[in-house]
Amino acid sequence: MMSNPDLIRMASEGMKNMRTEDLKYAAEQMRNIPPEQIANLSARVARSSPEELAALRTQAEAQQSYYMQGALSLKNQVFPYVNQPRKHPV
């Protein structure tokens, strides 16, 4: 797998855009994955074509954008109520 220059380039590009906190979180998540599952995923990635990997990346980015838009929508719907003065019953 490591001999594939396209995979190495894609991984390097992805890591350039990550913050330190993101890298720490990813490392923590990797500790919780069984070695057999990592080996299986590595083999699947190694067999994938660059086009398939690009499609997976695009799908992941679209899903992340969808989640972010949903979170922002909820925030914008709730925010006006949070800033209203509270009326206490007498």
N, C-alpha and C. Protein backbone atom coordinates (compact mmCIF):
# COMPACT_ATOMS: atom_id res chain seq x y z
N MET A 1 0.81 -1.19 0.00
CA MET A 1 0.00 0.00 0.00
C MET A 1 0.86 1.26 0.00
N MET A 2 1.92 1.27 0.77
CA MET A 2 2.74 2.47 0.87
C MET A 2 3.51 2.76 -0.40
N SER A 3 3.56 1.81 -1.34
CA SER A 3 4.29 2.06 -2.57
C SER A 3 3.44 2.82 -3.59
N ASN A 4 2.17 3.02 -3.32
CA ASN A 4 1.30 3.73 -4.24
C ASN A 4 1.47 5.24 -4.04
N PRO A 5 2.07 5.93 -5.01
CA PRO A 5 2.33 7.37 -4.83
C PRO A 5 1.06 8.21 -4.75
N ASP A 6 -0.01 7.76 -5.43
CA ASP A 6 -1.26 8.52 -5.35
C ASP A 6 -1.84 8.49 -3.95
N LEU A 7 -1.77 7.34 -3.29
CA LEU A 7 -2.29 7.24 -1.93
C LEU A 7 -1.47 8.09 -0.96
N ILE A 8 -0.17 8.06 -1.14
CA ILE A 8 0.71 8.85 -0.27
C ILE A 8 0.43 10.33 -0.47
N ARG A 9 0.27 10.75 -1.71
CA ARG A 9 -0.02 12.16 -2.00
C ARG A 9 -1.35 12.58 -1.40
N MET A 10 -2.39 11.74 -1.58
CA MET A 10 -3.70 12.07 -1.03
C MET A 10 -3.66 12.15 0.49
N ALA A 11 -2.96 11.24 1.12
CA ALA A 11 -2.85 11.25 2.58
C ALA A 11 -2.11 12.50 3.05
N SER A 12 -1.05 12.85 2.35
CA SER A 12 -0.28 14.05 2.72
C SER A 12 -1.12 15.31 2.57
N GLU A 13 -1.88 15.40 1.48
CA GLU A 13 -2.73 16.57 1.27
C GLU A 13 -3.79 16.66 2.36
N GLY A 14 -4.37 15.54 2.70
CA GLY A 14 -5.40 15.53 3.74
C GLY A 14 -4.85 15.94 5.09
N MET A 15 -3.65 15.50 5.41
CA MET A 15 -3.06 15.83 6.70
C MET A 15 -2.62 17.29 6.78
N LYS A 16 -2.29 17.90 5.64
CA LYS A 16 -1.91 19.32 5.64
C LYS A 16 -3.06 20.19 6.13
N ASN A 17 -4.28 19.78 5.83
CA ASN A 17 -5.45 20.58 6.17
C ASN A 17 -5.97 20.31 7.57
N MET A 18 -5.34 19.40 8.30
CA MET A 18 -5.82 19.05 9.64
C MET A 18 -5.15 19.89 10.70
N ARG A 19 -5.93 20.22 11.72
CA ARG A 19 -5.38 20.93 12.87
C ARG A 19 -4.74 19.91 13.82
N THR A 20 -3.96 20.38 14.74
CA THR A 20 -3.30 19.51 15.71
C THR A 20 -4.34 18.72 16.50
N GLU A 21 -5.43 19.38 16.89
CA GLU A 21 -6.47 18.70 17.65
C GLU A 21 -7.10 17.58 16.82
N ASP A 22 -7.26 17.82 15.51
CA ASP A 22 -7.84 16.80 14.64
C ASP A 22 -6.93 15.58 14.55
N LEU A 23 -5.63 15.82 14.45
CA LEU A 23 -4.68 14.71 14.38
C LEU A 23 -4.68 13.91 15.68
N LYS A 24 -4.76 14.60 16.82
CA LYS A 24 -4.81 13.90 18.10
C LYS A 24 -6.09 13.07 18.22
N TYR A 25 -7.20 13.64 17.76
CA TYR A 25 -8.47 12.91 17.80
C TYR A 25 -8.42 11.68 16.90
N ALA A 26 -7.86 11.83 15.71
CA ALA A 26 -7.75 10.71 14.79
C ALA A 26 -6.88 9.60 15.38
N ALA A 27 -5.78 9.99 16.01
CA ALA A 27 -4.90 9.00 16.63
C ALA A 27 -5.63 8.27 17.76
N GLU A 28 -6.42 9.00 18.53
CA GLU A 28 -7.18 8.38 19.62
C GLU A 28 -8.20 7.39 19.07
N GLN A 29 -8.86 7.76 17.98
CA GLN A 29 -9.84 6.87 17.36
C GLN A 29 -9.17 5.61 16.81
N MET A 30 -7.98 5.77 16.24
CA MET A 30 -7.26 4.63 15.67
C MET A 30 -6.88 3.61 16.75
N ARG A 31 -6.64 4.07 17.97
CA ARG A 31 -6.29 3.15 19.05
C ARG A 31 -7.44 2.20 19.39
N ASN A 32 -8.66 2.62 19.08
CA ASN A 32 -9.84 1.82 19.43
C ASN A 32 -10.24 0.84 18.33
N ILE A 33 -9.54 0.83 17.20
CA ILE A 33 -9.88 -0.06 16.09
C ILE A 33 -9.01 -1.31 16.18
N PRO A 34 -9.63 -2.49 16.10
CA PRO A 34 -8.85 -3.74 16.17
C PRO A 34 -7.87 -3.84 14.99
N PRO A 35 -6.70 -4.43 15.21
CA PRO A 35 -5.69 -4.56 14.15
C PRO A 35 -6.21 -5.29 12.91
N GLU A 36 -7.09 -6.28 13.11
CA GLU A 36 -7.63 -7.02 11.96
C GLU A 36 -8.45 -6.10 11.06
N GLN A 37 -9.21 -5.22 11.68
CA GLN A 37 -10.03 -4.29 10.91
C GLN A 37 -9.16 -3.28 10.16
N ILE A 38 -8.09 -2.83 10.78
CA ILE A 38 -7.16 -1.91 10.11
C ILE A 38 -6.52 -2.61 8.90
N ALA A 39 -6.12 -3.87 9.08
CA ALA A 39 -5.52 -4.61 7.98
C ALA A 39 -6.50 -4.79 6.83
N ASN A 40 -7.75 -5.09 7.16
CA ASN A 40 -8.79 -5.26 6.15
C ASN A 40 -9.01 -3.96 5.38
N LEU A 41 -9.12 -2.85 6.10
CA LEU A 41 -9.32 -1.55 5.45
C LEU A 41 -8.12 -1.17 4.59
N SER A 42 -6.93 -1.45 5.08
CA SER A 42 -5.72 -1.14 4.32
C SER A 42 -5.69 -1.91 3.01
N ALA A 43 -6.07 -3.17 3.06
CA ALA A 43 -6.10 -3.99 1.85
C ALA A 43 -7.14 -3.46 0.86
N ARG A 44 -8.30 -3.06 1.38
CA ARG A 44 -9.33 -2.52 0.49
C ARG A 44 -8.88 -1.22 -0.16
N VAL A 45 -8.22 -0.36 0.60
CA VAL A 45 -7.72 0.90 0.04
C VAL A 45 -6.64 0.63 -1.00
N ALA A 46 -5.78 -0.33 -0.71
CA ALA A 46 -4.70 -0.66 -1.65
C ALA A 46 -5.25 -1.17 -2.98
N ARG A 47 -6.37 -1.88 -2.95
CA ARG A 47 -6.98 -2.39 -4.18
C ARG A 47 -7.80 -1.34 -4.91
N SER A 48 -8.11 -0.24 -4.26
CA SER A 48 -8.96 0.78 -4.87
C SER A 48 -8.19 1.60 -5.89
N SER A 49 -8.90 2.04 -6.90
CA SER A 49 -8.29 2.91 -7.91
C SER A 49 -8.31 4.35 -7.39
N PRO A 50 -7.48 5.21 -7.94
CA PRO A 50 -7.50 6.62 -7.53
C PRO A 50 -8.88 7.26 -7.73
N GLU A 51 -9.59 6.84 -8.77
CA GLU A 51 -10.94 7.39 -9.00
C GLU A 51 -11.90 6.99 -7.89
N GLU A 52 -11.80 5.74 -7.43
CA GLU A 52 -12.65 5.29 -6.33
C GLU A 52 -12.32 6.04 -5.04
N LEU A 53 -11.04 6.25 -4.80
CA LEU A 53 -10.64 6.99 -3.61
C LEU A 53 -11.12 8.43 -3.67
N ALA A 54 -11.02 9.04 -4.85
CA ALA A 54 -11.49 10.41 -5.01
C ALA A 54 -13.00 10.49 -4.79
N ALA A 55 -13.73 9.49 -5.28
CA ALA A 55 -15.18 9.46 -5.08
C ALA A 55 -15.52 9.32 -3.59
N LEU A 56 -14.78 8.47 -2.88
CA LEU A 56 -15.02 8.32 -1.44
C LEU A 56 -14.73 9.62 -0.69
N ARG A 57 -13.67 10.28 -1.10
CA ARG A 57 -13.31 11.55 -0.46
C ARG A 57 -14.39 12.60 -0.71
N THR A 58 -14.88 12.66 -1.94
CA THR A 58 -15.94 13.61 -2.28
C THR A 58 -17.20 13.31 -1.46
N GLN A 59 -17.52 12.04 -1.33
CA GLN A 59 -18.70 11.65 -0.55
C GLN A 59 -18.53 12.04 0.91
N ALA A 60 -17.35 11.82 1.47
CA ALA A 60 -17.11 12.17 2.87
C ALA A 60 -17.19 13.68 3.07
N GLU A 61 -16.66 14.45 2.14
CA GLU A 61 -16.73 15.91 2.24
C GLU A 61 -18.17 16.39 2.14
N ALA A 62 -18.96 15.77 1.25
CA ALA A 62 -20.36 16.15 1.12
C ALA A 62 -21.13 15.82 2.40
N GLN A 63 -20.85 14.68 3.00
CA GLN A 63 -21.52 14.30 4.25
C GLN A 63 -21.14 15.26 5.37
N GLN A 64 -19.88 15.64 5.43
CA GLN A 64 -19.43 16.58 6.46
C GLN A 64 -20.12 17.93 6.26
N SER A 65 -20.23 18.38 5.03
CA SER A 65 -20.91 19.64 4.74
C SER A 65 -22.39 19.56 5.13
N TYR A 66 -23.03 18.44 4.85
CA TYR A 66 -24.43 18.23 5.20
C TYR A 66 -24.62 18.33 6.71
N TYR A 67 -23.76 17.68 7.47
CA TYR A 67 -23.86 17.73 8.93
C TYR A 67 -23.63 19.15 9.44
N MET A 68 -22.66 19.85 8.87
CA MET A 68 -22.36 21.20 9.30
C MET A 68 -23.53 22.14 9.01
N GLN A 69 -24.14 22.00 7.84
CA GLN A 69 -25.28 22.84 7.49
C GLN A 69 -26.46 22.56 8.43
N GLY A 70 -26.67 21.30 8.77
CA GLY A 70 -27.73 20.95 9.71
C GLY A 70 -27.49 21.55 11.09
N ALA A 71 -26.25 21.50 11.55
CA ALA A 71 -25.91 22.07 12.85
C ALA A 71 -26.10 23.59 12.85
N LEU A 72 -25.67 24.24 11.78
CA LEU A 72 -25.84 25.69 11.68
C LEU A 72 -27.31 26.07 11.60
N SER A 73 -28.09 25.27 10.90
CA SER A 73 -29.53 25.54 10.80
C SER A 73 -30.18 25.45 12.18
N LEU A 74 -29.85 24.41 12.93
CA LEU A 74 -30.40 24.28 14.28
C LEU A 74 -29.95 25.44 15.17
N LYS A 75 -28.70 25.80 15.06
CA LYS A 75 -28.18 26.91 15.85
C LYS A 75 -28.94 28.19 15.55
N ASN A 76 -29.15 28.46 14.26
CA ASN A 76 -29.84 29.69 13.87
C ASN A 76 -31.31 29.68 14.27
N GLN A 77 -31.91 28.51 14.37
CA GLN A 77 -33.30 28.41 14.80
C GLN A 77 -33.44 28.61 16.30
N VAL A 78 -32.46 28.14 17.06
CA VAL A 78 -32.54 28.18 18.52
C VAL A 78 -31.96 29.48 19.08
N PHE A 79 -30.98 30.06 18.42
CA PHE A 79 -30.26 31.22 18.94
C PHE A 79 -31.17 32.38 19.33
N PRO A 80 -32.18 32.74 18.53
CA PRO A 80 -33.04 33.86 18.94
C PRO A 80 -33.74 33.61 20.27
N TYR A 81 -34.11 32.36 20.55
CA TYR A 81 -34.79 32.05 21.81
C TYR A 81 -33.84 32.11 23.00
N VAL A 82 -32.59 31.78 22.77
CA VAL A 82 -31.62 31.78 23.86
C VAL A 82 -31.35 33.21 24.32
N ASN A 83 -31.34 34.16 23.41
CA ASN A 83 -31.02 35.55 23.75
C ASN A 83 -32.21 36.35 24.26
N GLN A 84 -33.41 35.79 24.22
CA GLN A 84 -34.57 36.53 24.72
C GLN A 84 -34.52 36.62 26.24
N PRO A 85 -34.96 37.76 26.78
CA PRO A 85 -35.03 37.85 28.24
C PRO A 85 -36.06 36.86 28.78
N ARG A 86 -35.75 36.28 29.87
CA ARG A 86 -36.64 35.28 30.46
C ARG A 86 -37.69 35.95 31.32
N LYS A 87 -38.90 35.47 31.18
CA LYS A 87 -40.00 35.99 31.97
C LYS A 87 -40.23 35.02 33.11
N HIS A 88 -40.06 35.50 34.31
CA HIS A 88 -40.24 34.65 35.48
C HIS A 88 -41.68 34.81 35.99
N PRO A 89 -42.34 33.70 36.25
CA PRO A 89 -43.70 33.82 36.82
C PRO A 89 -43.64 34.40 38.24
N VAL A 90 -44.61 35.19 38.53
CA VAL A 90 -44.64 35.84 39.85
C VAL A 90 -45.50 35.07 40.80
